[in-house]
C-alpha atoms as a PDB file:
ATOM      1  CA  MET A   1       0.271   0.103  -0.211  1.00  0.00           C
ATOM      2  CA  LEU A   2       1.185   3.363  -1.137  1.00  0.00           C
ATOM      3  CA  TYR A   3       1.006   7.016   1.470  1.00  0.00           C
ATOM      4  CA  PRO A   4       3.146   9.955   1.440  1.00  0.00           C
ATOM      5  CA  LEU A   5       6.876   8.870   1.416  1.00  0.00           C
ATOM      6  CA  GLN A   6       9.603  10.495   2.921  1.00  0.00           C
ATOM      7  CA  PHE A   7      13.464   9.479   2.327  1.00  0.00           C
ATOM      8  CA  HIS A   8      16.805   9.713   4.646  1.00  0.00           C
ATOM      9  CA  PRO A   9      18.737  13.265   2.627  1.00  0.00           C
ATOM     10  CA  ILE A  10      22.014  11.840   1.440  1.00  0.00           C
ATOM     11  CA  ILE A  11      24.138  14.489   2.266  1.00  0.00           C
ATOM     12  CA  LYS A  12      26.999  15.434   0.139  1.00  0.00           C
ATOM     13  CA  GLU A  13      30.499  16.944   1.156  1.00  0.00           C
ATOM     14  CA  LYS A  14      31.960  19.995  -0.598  1.00  0.00           C
ATOM     15  CA  ILE A  15      34.659  22.397  -0.919  1.00  0.00           C
ATOM     16  CA  TRP A  16      32.315  25.050  -0.963  1.00  0.00           C
ATOM     17  CA  GLY A  17      29.643  23.977   1.695  1.00  0.00           C
ATOM     18  CA  GLY A  18      28.580  25.648   4.959  1.00  0.00           C
ATOM     19  CA  LYS A  19      26.792  24.840   8.257  1.00  0.00           C
ATOM     20  CA  LYS A  20      23.662  25.659   6.768  1.00  0.00           C
ATOM     21  CA  LEU A  21      22.089  22.403   5.994  1.00  0.00           C
ATOM     22  CA  GLN A  22      22.561  21.888  10.006  1.00  0.00           C
ATOM     23  CA  THR A  23      21.755  24.456  11.285  1.00  0.00           C
ATOM     24  CA  ILE A  24      18.573  25.980   9.151  1.00  0.00           C
ATOM     25  CA  LEU A  25      17.513  22.859   7.867  1.00  0.00           C
ATOM     26  CA  HIS A  26      18.291  20.487  10.572  1.00  0.00           C
ATOM     27  CA  LYS A  27      19.970  17.508   8.887  1.00  0.00           C
ATOM     28  CA  GLU A  28      21.472  15.475  11.209  1.00  0.00           C
ATOM     29  CA  ASN A  29      24.133  14.243   9.451  1.00  0.00           C
ATOM     30  CA  ALA A  30      25.253  17.185   7.989  1.00  0.00           C
ATOM     31  CA  SER A  31      28.220  18.720   9.393  1.00  0.00           C
ATOM     32  CA  GLU A  32      30.571  22.387   8.665  1.00  0.00           C
ATOM     33  CA  GLN A  33      31.600  21.443   5.215  1.00  0.00           C
ATOM     34  CA  SER A  34      28.243  19.753   3.887  1.00  0.00           C
ATOM     35  CA  GLY A  35      27.351  21.200   0.350  1.00  0.00           C
ATOM     36  CA  GLU A  36      24.280  19.319  -0.656  1.00  0.00           C
ATOM     37  CA  SER A  37      21.137  17.222   0.475  1.00  0.00           C
ATOM     38  CA  TRP A  38      19.977  15.297  -2.109  1.00  0.00           C
ATOM     39  CA  GLU A  39      16.175  15.007  -1.102  1.00  0.00           C
ATOM     40  CA  ILE A  40      14.817  12.852  -3.492  1.00  0.00           C
ATOM     41  CA  SER A  41      17.140  10.623  -6.207  1.00  0.00           C
ATOM     42  CA  GLY A  42      16.653   7.962  -9.115  1.00  0.00           C
ATOM     43  CA  LEU A  43      20.310   7.538  -9.342  1.00  0.00           C
ATOM     44  CA  VAL A  44      21.473   4.522  -9.366  1.00  0.00           C
ATOM     45  CA  ASP A  45      24.305   4.772  -6.907  1.00  0.00           C
ATOM     46  CA  ASN A  46      22.677   7.029  -4.668  1.00  0.00           C
ATOM     47  CA  ALA A  47      18.710   6.151  -4.873  1.00  0.00           C
ATOM     48  CA  SER A  48      17.176   7.412  -2.104  1.00  0.00           C
ATOM     49  CA  ILE A  49      16.116   4.998   1.267  1.00  0.00           C
ATOM     50  CA  VAL A  50      12.384   5.104   2.084  1.00  0.00           C
ATOM     51  CA  SER A  51      12.764   6.148   6.113  1.00  0.00           C
ATOM     52  CA  ASN A  52       8.870   5.792   7.049  1.00  0.00           C
ATOM     53  CA  GLY A  53       5.739   3.473   7.473  1.00  0.00           C
ATOM     54  CA  SER A  54       6.174   0.170   6.265  1.00  0.00           C
ATOM     55  CA  LEU A  55       7.995   0.827   3.219  1.00  0.00           C
ATOM     56  CA  ARG A  56      10.942   1.751   5.362  1.00  0.00           C
ATOM     57  CA  GLY A  57      14.433   0.731   3.975  1.00  0.00           C
ATOM     58  CA  LYS A  58      13.271   0.305   0.763  1.00  0.00           C
ATOM     59  CA  ASN A  59      15.120   2.593  -1.832  1.00  0.00           C
ATOM     60  CA  LEU A  60      13.462   4.451  -4.829  1.00  0.00           C
ATOM     61  CA  LEU A  61      14.686   2.223  -7.437  1.00  0.00           C
ATOM     62  CA  GLU A  62      12.693  -1.363  -6.030  1.00  0.00           C
ATOM     63  CA  LEU A  63       9.276   1.401  -5.432  1.00  0.00           C
ATOM     64  CA  ILE A  64       9.482   1.848  -8.825  1.00  0.00           C
ATOM     65  CA  GLU A  65       9.956  -1.672 -10.191  1.00  0.00           C
ATOM     66  CA  ASP A  66       7.323  -2.730  -7.530  1.00  0.00           C
ATOM     67  CA  PHE A  67       4.349  -0.099  -7.825  1.00  0.00           C
ATOM     68  CA  GLY A  68       4.864   0.966 -11.720  1.00  0.00           C
ATOM     69  CA  SER A  69       2.175   3.718 -12.145  1.00  0.00           C
ATOM     70  CA  ASP A  70       0.558   3.942  -9.032  1.00  0.00           C
ATOM     71  CA  LEU A  71       4.130   5.423  -8.004  1.00  0.00           C
ATOM     72  CA  LEU A  72       5.313   7.201 -10.557  1.00  0.00           C
ATOM     73  CA  GLY A  73       1.787   7.687 -12.823  1.00  0.00           C
ATOM     74  CA  ASN A  74       1.514   7.217 -16.766  1.00  0.00           C
ATOM     75  CA  LYS A  75       2.411   9.926 -17.933  1.00  0.00           C
ATOM     76  CA  VAL A  76       5.665   9.456 -16.580  1.00  0.00           C
ATOM     77  CA  LEU A  77       5.650   6.153 -17.296  1.00  0.00           C
ATOM     78  CA  GLU A  78       5.195   6.899 -21.012  1.00  0.00           C
ATOM     79  CA  ARG A  79       8.170   9.350 -21.039  1.00  0.00           C
ATOM     80  CA  HIS A  80      10.441   8.336 -18.752  1.00  0.00           C
ATOM     81  CA  GLU A  81       9.362   4.330 -18.417  1.00  0.00           C
ATOM     82  CA  LYS A  82      10.910   3.177 -15.035  1.00  0.00           C
ATOM     83  CA  GLU A  83      13.583   5.975 -14.814  1.00  0.00           C
ATOM     84  CA  PHE A  84      12.419   8.595 -11.501  1.00  0.00           C
ATOM     85  CA  PRO A  85      12.834  11.955 -13.951  1.00  0.00           C
ATOM     86  CA  LEU A  86      13.622  14.438 -11.121  1.00  0.00           C
ATOM     87  CA  LEU A  87      16.371  14.940  -8.385  1.00  0.00           C
ATOM     88  CA  ILE A  88      15.356  17.449  -5.508  1.00  0.00           C
ATOM     89  CA  LYS A  89      18.426  18.965  -3.430  1.00  0.00           C
ATOM     90  CA  PHE A  90      18.709  21.676  -0.974  1.00  0.00           C
ATOM     91  CA  ILE A  91      22.568  23.519  -1.267  1.00  0.00           C
ATOM     92  CA  ASP A  92      24.020  25.515   0.518  1.00  0.00           C
ATOM     93  CA  ALA A  93      26.977  27.703  -0.641  1.00  0.00           C
ATOM     94  CA  ALA A  94      29.189  29.413   2.137  1.00  0.00           C
ATOM     95  CA  ASP A  95      31.891  29.844  -0.579  1.00  0.00           C
ATOM     96  CA  ASP A  96      31.129  30.434  -4.473  1.00  0.00           C
ATOM     97  CA  LEU A  97      30.413  27.230  -6.294  1.00  0.00           C
ATOM     98  CA  SER A  98      32.334  26.694  -9.793  1.00  0.00           C
ATOM     99  CA  VAL A  99      31.304  28.381 -12.933  1.00  0.00           C
ATOM    100  CA  GLN A 100      29.452  25.300 -14.474  1.00  0.00           C
ATOM    101  CA  VAL A 101      26.845  24.573 -17.074  1.00  0.00           C
ATOM    102  CA  HIS A 102      24.906  21.286 -18.616  1.00  0.00           C
ATOM    103  CA  PRO A 103      24.269  19.851 -21.639  1.00  0.00           C
ATOM    104  CA  ASP A 104      20.949  18.954 -22.906  1.00  0.00           C
ATOM    105  CA  ASP A 105      18.781  15.831 -23.475  1.00  0.00           C
ATOM    106  CA  SER A 106      20.311  15.028 -26.700  1.00  0.00           C
ATOM    107  CA  ILE A 107      24.315  15.708 -26.187  1.00  0.00           C
ATOM    108  CA  ALA A 108      23.690  13.797 -22.309  1.00  0.00           C
ATOM    109  CA  ALA A 109      22.014  11.085 -23.929  1.00  0.00           C
ATOM    110  CA  GLN A 110      25.022  11.109 -27.079  1.00  0.00           C
ATOM    111  CA  TYR A 111      27.760  11.293 -24.338  1.00  0.00           C
ATOM    112  CA  HIS A 112      26.608  10.023 -21.090  1.00  0.00           C
ATOM    113  CA  GLY A 113      24.040   7.690 -21.442  1.00  0.00           C
ATOM    114  CA  GLY A 114      21.898  10.426 -19.106  1.00  0.00           C
ATOM    115  CA  PHE A 115      19.516  13.011 -18.844  1.00  0.00           C
ATOM    116  CA  GLY A 116      20.167  16.638 -19.650  1.00  0.00           C
ATOM    117  CA  LYS A 117      19.676  18.386 -16.544  1.00  0.00           C
ATOM    118  CA  ASN A 118      17.112  21.652 -17.170  1.00  0.00           C
ATOM    119  CA  GLU A 119      17.231  23.219 -13.426  1.00  0.00           C
ATOM    120  CA  MET A 120      15.253  25.736 -11.013  1.00  0.00           C
ATOM    121  CA  TRP A 121      16.122  27.030  -8.031  1.00  0.00           C
ATOM    122  CA  TYR A 122      13.899  29.040  -5.284  1.00  0.00           C
ATOM    123  CA  ILE A 123      15.842  31.085  -2.382  1.00  0.00           C
ATOM    124  CA  ILE A 124      15.807  30.156   1.065  1.00  0.00           C
ATOM    125  CA  GLU A 125      17.942  32.171   2.841  1.00  0.00           C
ATOM    126  CA  ALA A 126      20.359  34.777   1.813  1.00  0.00           C
ATOM    127  CA  ASP A 127      22.876  37.018   2.974  1.00  0.00           C
ATOM    128  CA  PRO A 128      23.380  40.499   2.517  1.00  0.00           C
ATOM    129  CA  GLY A 129      24.689  40.938  -0.970  1.00  0.00           C
ATOM    130  CA  ALA A 130      24.405  37.525  -1.778  1.00  0.00           C
ATOM    131  CA  GLU A 131      24.237  36.792  -5.654  1.00  0.00           C
ATOM    132  CA  ILE A 132      24.150  34.015  -8.167  1.00  0.00           C
ATOM    133  CA  ILE A 133      25.827  33.987 -12.303  1.00  0.00           C
ATOM    134  CA  VAL A 134      23.275  33.494 -14.624  1.00  0.00           C
ATOM    135  CA  GLY A 135      24.390  34.029 -18.122  1.00  0.00           C
ATOM    136  CA  VAL A 136      26.482  36.161 -20.051  1.00  0.00           C
ATOM    137  CA  ASN A 137      26.486  40.251 -19.722  1.00  0.00           C
ATOM    138  CA  GLU A 138      26.495  40.078 -23.484  1.00  0.00           C
ATOM    139  CA  GLU A 139      26.379  38.494 -26.854  1.00  0.00           C
ATOM    140  CA  MET A 140      29.529  36.625 -27.671  1.00  0.00           C
ATOM    141  CA  THR A 141      31.056  34.710 -30.254  1.00  0.00           C
ATOM    142  CA  PRO A 142      32.226  30.833 -29.658  1.00  0.00           C
ATOM    143  CA  GLU A 143      36.261  32.099 -30.463  1.00  0.00           C
ATOM    144  CA  GLU A 144      35.646  35.307 -27.908  1.00  0.00           C
ATOM    145  CA  TYR A 145      34.754  32.723 -25.240  1.00  0.00           C
ATOM    146  CA  LYS A 146      37.067  30.206 -25.883  1.00  0.00           C
ATOM    147  CA  GLU A 147      40.044  32.807 -25.641  1.00  0.00           C
ATOM    148  CA  GLN A 148      38.449  33.914 -22.149  1.00  0.00           C
ATOM    149  CA  VAL A 149      38.288  30.965 -20.760  1.00  0.00           C
ATOM    150  CA  ALA A 150      41.956  30.113 -21.904  1.00  0.00           C
ATOM    151  CA  LYS A 151      42.921  33.669 -20.375  1.00  0.00           C
ATOM    152  CA  LYS A 152      40.957  33.243 -17.047  1.00  0.00           C
ATOM    153  CA  LYS A 153      39.084  36.202 -17.930  1.00  0.00           C
ATOM    154  CA  ILE A 154      35.848  34.564 -18.274  1.00  0.00           C
ATOM    155  CA  ALA A 155      34.803  35.483 -14.541  1.00  0.00           C
ATOM    156  CA  ASP A 156      34.433  39.385 -15.440  1.00  0.00           C
ATOM    157  CA  SER A 157      31.907  38.453 -18.677  1.00  0.00           C
ATOM    158  CA  LEU A 158      29.525  37.065 -16.121  1.00  0.00           C
ATOM    159  CA  ARG A 159      25.913  38.211 -14.871  1.00  0.00           C
ATOM    160  CA  HIS A 160      25.403  38.655 -11.582  1.00  0.00           C
ATOM    161  CA  ILE A 161      22.001  39.075  -9.896  1.00  0.00           C
ATOM    162  CA  PRO A 162      21.079  39.874  -6.689  1.00  0.00           C
ATOM    163  CA  VAL A 163      18.960  37.372  -4.905  1.00  0.00           C
ATOM    164  CA  LYS A 164      16.746  37.746  -1.590  1.00  0.00           C
ATOM    165  CA  PRO A 165      14.810  35.111   0.252  1.00  0.00           C
ATOM    166  CA  GLY A 166      11.718  33.940  -2.515  1.00  0.00           C
ATOM    167  CA  ASP A 167      13.320  34.484  -5.662  1.00  0.00           C
ATOM    168  CA  CYS A 168      13.052  31.816  -7.954  1.00  0.00           C
ATOM    169  CA  ILE A 169      14.579  31.499 -11.193  1.00  0.00           C
ATOM    170  CA  TYR A 170      14.703  28.681 -14.143  1.00  0.00           C
ATOM    171  CA  ILE A 171      18.032  27.480 -15.676  1.00  0.00           C
ATOM    172  CA  PRO A 172      17.861  25.890 -18.835  1.00  0.00           C
ATOM    173  CA  THR A 173      20.447  23.560 -20.511  1.00  0.00           C
ATOM    174  CA  GLY A 174      23.466  25.359 -21.594  1.00  0.00           C
ATOM    175  CA  THR A 175      22.926  28.800 -19.475  1.00  0.00           C
ATOM    176  CA  ILE A 176      25.986  29.300 -17.630  1.00  0.00           C
ATOM    177  CA  HIS A 177      25.846  29.991 -14.155  1.00  0.00           C
ATOM    178  CA  ALA A 178      27.111  29.424 -10.394  1.00  0.00           C
ATOM    179  CA  ILE A 179      25.092  29.572  -6.641  1.00  0.00           C
ATOM    180  CA  MET A 180      27.717  32.117  -4.968  1.00  0.00           C
ATOM    181  CA  LYS A 181      28.235  32.302  -1.321  1.00  0.00           C
ATOM    182  CA  GLY A 182      25.599  33.265   1.451  1.00  0.00           C
ATOM    183  CA  VAL A 183      22.717  31.244  -0.864  1.00  0.00           C
ATOM    184  CA  LEU A 184      21.020  28.291   0.597  1.00  0.00           C
ATOM    185  CA  LEU A 185      18.512  27.141  -2.040  1.00  0.00           C
ATOM    186  CA  ALA A 186      15.897  24.302  -2.902  1.00  0.00           C
ATOM    187  CA  GLU A 187      16.806  22.944  -6.219  1.00  0.00           C
ATOM    188  CA  VAL A 188      14.870  21.107  -8.662  1.00  0.00           C
ATOM    189  CA  GLN A 189      16.328  19.517 -11.303  1.00  0.00           C
ATOM    190  CA  GLN A 190      16.037  16.914 -14.256  1.00  0.00           C
ATOM    191  CA  SER A 191      17.622  13.262 -12.365  1.00  0.00           C
ATOM    192  CA  SER A 192      21.593  14.040 -14.092  1.00  0.00           C
ATOM    193  CA  ASP A 193      24.521  14.893 -12.149  1.00  0.00           C
ATOM    194  CA  ILE A 194      26.302  15.923 -15.244  1.00  0.00           C
ATOM    195  CA  THR A 195      28.076  19.076 -15.059  1.00  0.00           C
ATOM    196  CA  TYR A 196      30.853  20.581 -17.209  1.00  0.00           C
ATOM    197  CA  ARG A 197      32.534  23.170 -14.913  1.00  0.00           C
ATOM    198  CA  ILE A 198      34.646  26.027 -16.855  1.00  0.00           C
ATOM    199  CA  TYR A 199      35.920  27.982 -14.376  1.00  0.00           C
ATOM    200  CA  ASP A 200      36.702  27.109 -10.536  1.00  0.00           C
ATOM    201  CA  TRP A 201      38.135  30.356  -8.932  1.00  0.00           C
ATOM    202  CA  ASN A 202      42.118  28.937  -9.059  1.00  0.00           C
ATOM    203  CA  ARG A 203      41.119  27.381  -5.792  1.00  0.00           C
ATOM    204  CA  LYS A 204      41.636  23.379  -4.912  1.00  0.00           C
ATOM    205  CA  GLY A 205      39.783  21.035  -3.682  1.00  0.00           C
ATOM    206  CA  LEU A 206      38.571  18.749  -0.929  1.00  0.00           C
ATOM    207  CA  ASP A 207      41.924  16.672  -2.144  1.00  0.00           C
ATOM    208  CA  GLY A 208      44.767  19.339  -2.100  1.00  0.00           C
ATOM    209  CA  LYS A 209      44.275  18.958  -5.782  1.00  0.00           C
ATOM    210  CA  TYR A 210      42.885  21.790  -8.683  1.00  0.00           C
ATOM    211  CA  ARG A 211      39.130  20.532  -9.923  1.00  0.00           C
ATOM    212  CA  THR A 212      39.195  18.948 -13.643  1.00  0.00           C
ATOM    213  CA  LEU A 213      37.696  21.858 -16.521  1.00  0.00           C
ATOM    214  CA  HIS A 214      35.709  20.692 -18.966  1.00  0.00           C
ATOM    215  CA  THR A 215      36.482  23.234 -21.193  1.00  0.00           C
ATOM    216  CA  GLU A 216      35.893  21.706 -24.464  1.00  0.00           C
ATOM    217  CA  GLU A 217      32.551  19.901 -23.329  1.00  0.00           C
ATOM    218  CA  ALA A 218      31.116  23.410 -22.077  1.00  0.00           C
ATOM    219  CA  ALA A 219      32.451  25.045 -25.493  1.00  0.00           C
ATOM    220  CA  ARG A 220      29.989  22.237 -27.064  1.00  0.00           C
ATOM    221  CA  VAL A 221      26.697  23.016 -25.422  1.00  0.00           C
ATOM    222  CA  VAL A 222      27.403  26.655 -23.741  1.00  0.00           C
ATOM    223  CA  ASN A 223      24.878  29.339 -25.003  1.00  0.00           C
ATOM    224  CA  LEU A 224      26.451  32.769 -25.632  1.00  0.00           C
ATOM    225  CA  SER A 225      23.220  34.648 -27.356  1.00  0.00           C
ATOM    226  CA  ALA A 226      21.738  37.580 -25.238  1.00  0.00           C
ATOM    227  CA  GLN A 227      18.929  36.067 -24.058  1.00  0.00           C
ATOM    228  CA  GLN A 228      19.508  34.849 -20.436  1.00  0.00           C
ATOM    229  CA  PRO A 229      17.127  33.924 -17.670  1.00  0.00           C
ATOM    230  CA  SER A 230      15.846  36.274 -14.698  1.00  0.00           C
ATOM    231  CA  LEU A 231      14.452  35.804 -11.931  1.00  0.00           C
ATOM    232  CA  VAL A 232      10.458  34.571 -12.368  1.00  0.00           C
ATOM    233  CA  PRO A 233       7.807  37.178 -11.807  1.00  0.00           C
ATOM    234  CA  TYR A 234       5.254  36.335  -8.909  1.00  0.00           C
ATOM    235  CA  LYS A 235       2.755  37.182  -6.394  1.00  0.00           C
ATOM    236  CA  ALA A 236       2.388  34.760  -3.653  1.00  0.00           C
ATOM    237  CA  LEU A 237      -1.508  34.347  -2.276  1.00  0.00           C
ATOM    238  CA  TYR A 238      -2.431  32.656   0.581  1.00  0.00           C
ATOM    239  CA  ASN A 239      -4.279  29.199   0.386  1.00  0.00           C
ATOM    240  CA  GLN A 240      -3.651  29.295  -3.035  1.00  0.00           C
ATOM    241  CA  LYS A 241      -0.792  27.681  -5.802  1.00  0.00           C
ATOM    242  CA  VAL A 242       0.982  29.948  -7.699  1.00  0.00           C
ATOM    243  CA  LEU A 243       2.995  28.657 -10.748  1.00  0.00           C
ATOM    244  CA  LEU A 244       7.030  29.498 -10.886  1.00  0.00           C
ATOM    245  CA  VAL A 245       7.649  27.058 -13.096  1.00  0.00           C
ATOM    246  CA  ASP A 246       6.448  25.467 -16.157  1.00  0.00           C
ATOM    247  CA  SER A 247       8.669  23.038 -18.446  1.00  0.00           C
ATOM    248  CA  PRO A 248       8.952  20.629 -20.627  1.00  0.00           C
ATOM    249  CA  TYR A 249      10.447  18.654 -17.741  1.00  0.00           C
ATOM    250  CA  PHE A 250       9.045  19.560 -14.686  1.00  0.00           C
ATOM    251  CA  GLN A 251       6.012  22.077 -13.183  1.00  0.00           C
ATOM    252  CA  THR A 252       6.802  23.589  -9.785  1.00  0.00           C
ATOM    253  CA  LYS A 253       3.978  25.564  -7.937  1.00  0.00           C
ATOM    254  CA  LEU A 254       4.329  27.305  -4.614  1.00  0.00           C
ATOM    255  CA  CYS A 255       1.534  26.992  -1.867  1.00  0.00           C
ATOM    256  CA  LEU A 256       1.475  29.402   1.070  1.00  0.00           C
ATOM    257  CA  ILE A 257      -1.311  28.247   3.631  1.00  0.00           C
ATOM    258  CA  ASN A 258      -2.729  30.058   6.573  1.00  0.00           C
ATOM    259  CA  GLN A 259      -5.764  26.917   7.030  1.00  0.00           C
ATOM    260  CA  LYS A 260      -7.075  23.570   6.047  1.00  0.00           C
ATOM    261  CA  PHE A 261      -6.057  23.295   2.553  1.00  0.00           C
ATOM    262  CA  SER A 262      -7.396  20.444   0.185  1.00  0.00           C
ATOM    263  CA  SER A 263      -5.856  19.142  -3.456  1.00  0.00           C
ATOM    264  CA  PHE A 264      -7.414  16.898  -5.678  1.00  0.00           C
ATOM    265  CA  TYR A 265      -5.097  15.282  -8.594  1.00  0.00           C
ATOM    266  CA  LYS A 266      -6.045  13.005 -11.400  1.00  0.00           C
ATOM    267  CA  LYS A 267      -5.164   9.358 -10.410  1.00  0.00           C
ATOM    268  CA  ASN A 268      -2.127   8.083 -12.085  1.00  0.00           C
ATOM    269  CA  GLU A 269      -1.146  11.036 -13.820  1.00  0.00           C
ATOM    270  CA  SER A 270       1.744  11.738 -12.157  1.00  0.00           C
ATOM    271  CA  PHE A 271       3.951  11.746  -8.445  1.00  0.00           C
ATOM    272  CA  LYS A 272       3.868  15.041  -6.920  1.00  0.00           C
ATOM    273  CA  ILE A 273       7.019  16.328  -4.659  1.00  0.00           C
ATOM    274  CA  ILE A 274       6.228  18.532  -1.868  1.00  0.00           C
ATOM    275  CA  ILE A 275       9.598  20.541  -0.414  1.00  0.00           C
ATOM    276  CA  ASN A 276       8.496  22.361   3.093  1.00  0.00           C
ATOM    277  CA  LEU A 277      10.194  25.567   3.030  1.00  0.00           C
ATOM    278  CA  GLU A 278       8.768  27.565   6.219  1.00  0.00           C
ATOM    279  CA  GLY A 279       6.519  26.316   8.708  1.00  0.00           C
ATOM    280  CA  GLU A 280       4.805  22.540   9.665  1.00  0.00           C
ATOM    281  CA  ILE A 281       3.038  21.328   7.778  1.00  0.00           C
ATOM    282  CA  HIS A 282       0.396  18.141   7.906  1.00  0.00           C
ATOM    283  CA  ILE A 283      -0.365  15.976   4.804  1.00  0.00           C
ATOM    284  CA  GLN A 284      -3.618  14.034   5.220  1.00  0.00           C
ATOM    285  CA  THR A 285      -4.618  11.464   2.167  1.00  0.00           C
ATOM    286  CA  PRO A 286      -7.908   9.965   3.614  1.00  0.00           C
ATOM    287  CA  GLU A 287      -7.851   7.487   0.751  1.00  0.00           C
ATOM    288  CA  LYS A 288      -5.093   5.769   2.725  1.00  0.00           C
ATOM    289  CA  ASN A 289      -5.929   7.027   6.107  1.00  0.00           C
ATOM    290  CA  SER A 290      -2.578   7.945   6.681  1.00  0.00           C
ATOM    291  CA  SER A 291      -0.933  11.237   8.083  1.00  0.00           C
ATOM    292  CA  LEU A 292       2.685  13.100   7.989  1.00  0.00           C
ATOM    293  CA  LEU A 293       4.400  15.696   9.406  1.00  0.00           C
ATOM    294  CA  LEU A 294       6.698  17.684   7.547  1.00  0.00           C
ATOM    295  CA  ALA A 295       8.944  20.210   9.264  1.00  0.00           C
ATOM    296  CA  PRO A 296      10.829  22.820   7.216  1.00  0.00           C
ATOM    297  CA  GLY A 297      13.394  21.607   5.017  1.00  0.00           C
ATOM    298  CA  GLN A 298      11.665  18.434   4.488  1.00  0.00           C
ATOM    299  CA  THR A 299      10.327  16.751   1.318  1.00  0.00           C
ATOM    300  CA  ALA A 300       7.860  14.052   0.626  1.00  0.00           C
ATOM    301  CA  LEU A 301       6.934  12.227  -2.128  1.00  0.00           C
ATOM    302  CA  ILE A 302       3.007  11.852  -2.774  1.00  0.00           C
ATOM    303  CA  PRO A 303       2.677   9.036  -5.399  1.00  0.00           C
ATOM    304  CA  ALA A 304       0.428   9.495  -8.473  1.00  0.00           C
ATOM    305  CA  CYS A 305      -2.248   6.850  -7.221  1.00  0.00           C
ATOM    306  CA  LEU A 306      -3.425   9.418  -4.560  1.00  0.00           C
ATOM    307  CA  GLN A 307      -6.235  11.336  -5.349  1.00  0.00           C
ATOM    308  CA  GLU A 308      -6.878  13.777  -2.596  1.00  0.00           C
ATOM    309  CA  VAL A 309      -4.141  15.436  -0.320  1.00  0.00           C
ATOM    310  CA  ILE A 310      -5.291  17.339   2.449  1.00  0.00           C
ATOM    311  CA  PHE A 311      -2.483  20.057   4.059  1.00  0.00           C
ATOM    312  CA  PHE A 312      -2.561  21.995   6.819  1.00  0.00           C
ATOM    313  CA  GLN A 313      -0.109  24.167   8.865  1.00  0.00           C
ATOM    314  CA  GLU A 314       0.460  23.370  12.612  1.00  0.00           C
ATOM    315  CA  ASN A 315       1.049  26.966  13.348  1.00  0.00           C
ATOM    316  CA  ASN A 316       0.549  30.515  11.670  1.00  0.00           C
ATOM    317  CA  HIS A 317       1.285  29.495   8.482  1.00  0.00           C
ATOM    318  CA  CYS A 318       3.610  27.610   6.301  1.00  0.00           C
ATOM    319  CA  ARG A 319       4.964  27.714   2.595  1.00  0.00           C
ATOM    320  CA  PHE A 320       6.196  24.658   0.434  1.00  0.00           C
ATOM    321  CA  LEU A 321       6.638  23.907  -3.273  1.00  0.00           C
ATOM    322  CA  GLU A 322       4.928  21.418  -5.257  1.00  0.00           C
ATOM    323  CA  VAL A 323       6.740  19.882  -8.041  1.00  0.00           C
ATOM    324  CA  SER A 324       5.155  17.292 -10.935  1.00  0.00           C
ATOM    325  CA  LEU A 325       5.913  16.555 -14.569  1.00  0.00           C
END
C-alpha cells in the first residue's frame, strides 16, 4: 500500500559547503562543510531510501519496480519508463560554486547515456549582498568565449543577479551559472549529475588538487546569446497555488497556506513532490487514512495513485513547493 513517502537525506560534502544544512534545515548527518542534501534521488549509485511507514528501508528504484504507475503515474512512465526523472536537493553555498554549464538531453544521451539537466532554484536564505551568476553580460562569439576561458578571464563577462529569500529562477541547459557564497536554496532538476566545469576561481578541491575543468565539453553546449534567464516574477497568495515554473521537464508551484487546504489530483497521472520551506505542515490522505508531519527542510513524495491530499499548518502558516511532471 502506497502513502506519502519520506526519504533519508543523502549528504554531500563540498569544498564550498557550510553549516546551514545543519543549523537551518536541521539535517542530522550534515557537517560544517556539507554542500548538498539530496532529498529524492533515483540515480543508481545514490537511490533514496524510505524513512517512514511500512516501506521503510526500501529504495526508490525498488519502489518503482514494485509499484510502477501507482507510484510514478502513467504520464511519467510513458515518457521515462521506469527511470525517476527528477533530483531534488537543498544546496548551501558558504563559498562560491564553480562556474558551470549542463548539457541538454541529446548531448547527455550521446556522451553520457543519461538525462540533461534543466533546473530551477528557489532561494531560502541569502546573506546581505548575496548573488547568483546566470548567463553572460552580453553576447559573445564561440571564439571570444574560448579566448576568455583560456586566459581565465571568463568571470569578467558573467552576469551577476542579486538575490533574496523567495526569489526563483529557471535555468535551462546551456546556461552558464553559479551559486555564490551566502545562498541557501532548494533545487529542482532533471535526474542528472552531469556538470561541465568552466571556471573554479583558481582554488583547490578537498583533496588538495585543482578540480578538473571541462573546457571542450562546455564549449559544445554553452549558450552565449544575449537572451538569458531572469528571476521569475510572481506574487505569493495565501491558500492558492502559484505557478513558478512550467517547463517540458517539470512544473513547480508555490503554496502558502494558513488554513486547511485540499488538493485533488488526476489519479495515476504524475507523482507530486512536496518541499517544505517554512512552518510545519501536516499531509493527510483520506483514501489511505495516513498522515505525515513535515518540518521545514523536509521533503515528501506523494504517489500518483493518491487523488486527494489535505494540507494544514501546525502553527500560523507554512510555505512549500509542489513539483510534478
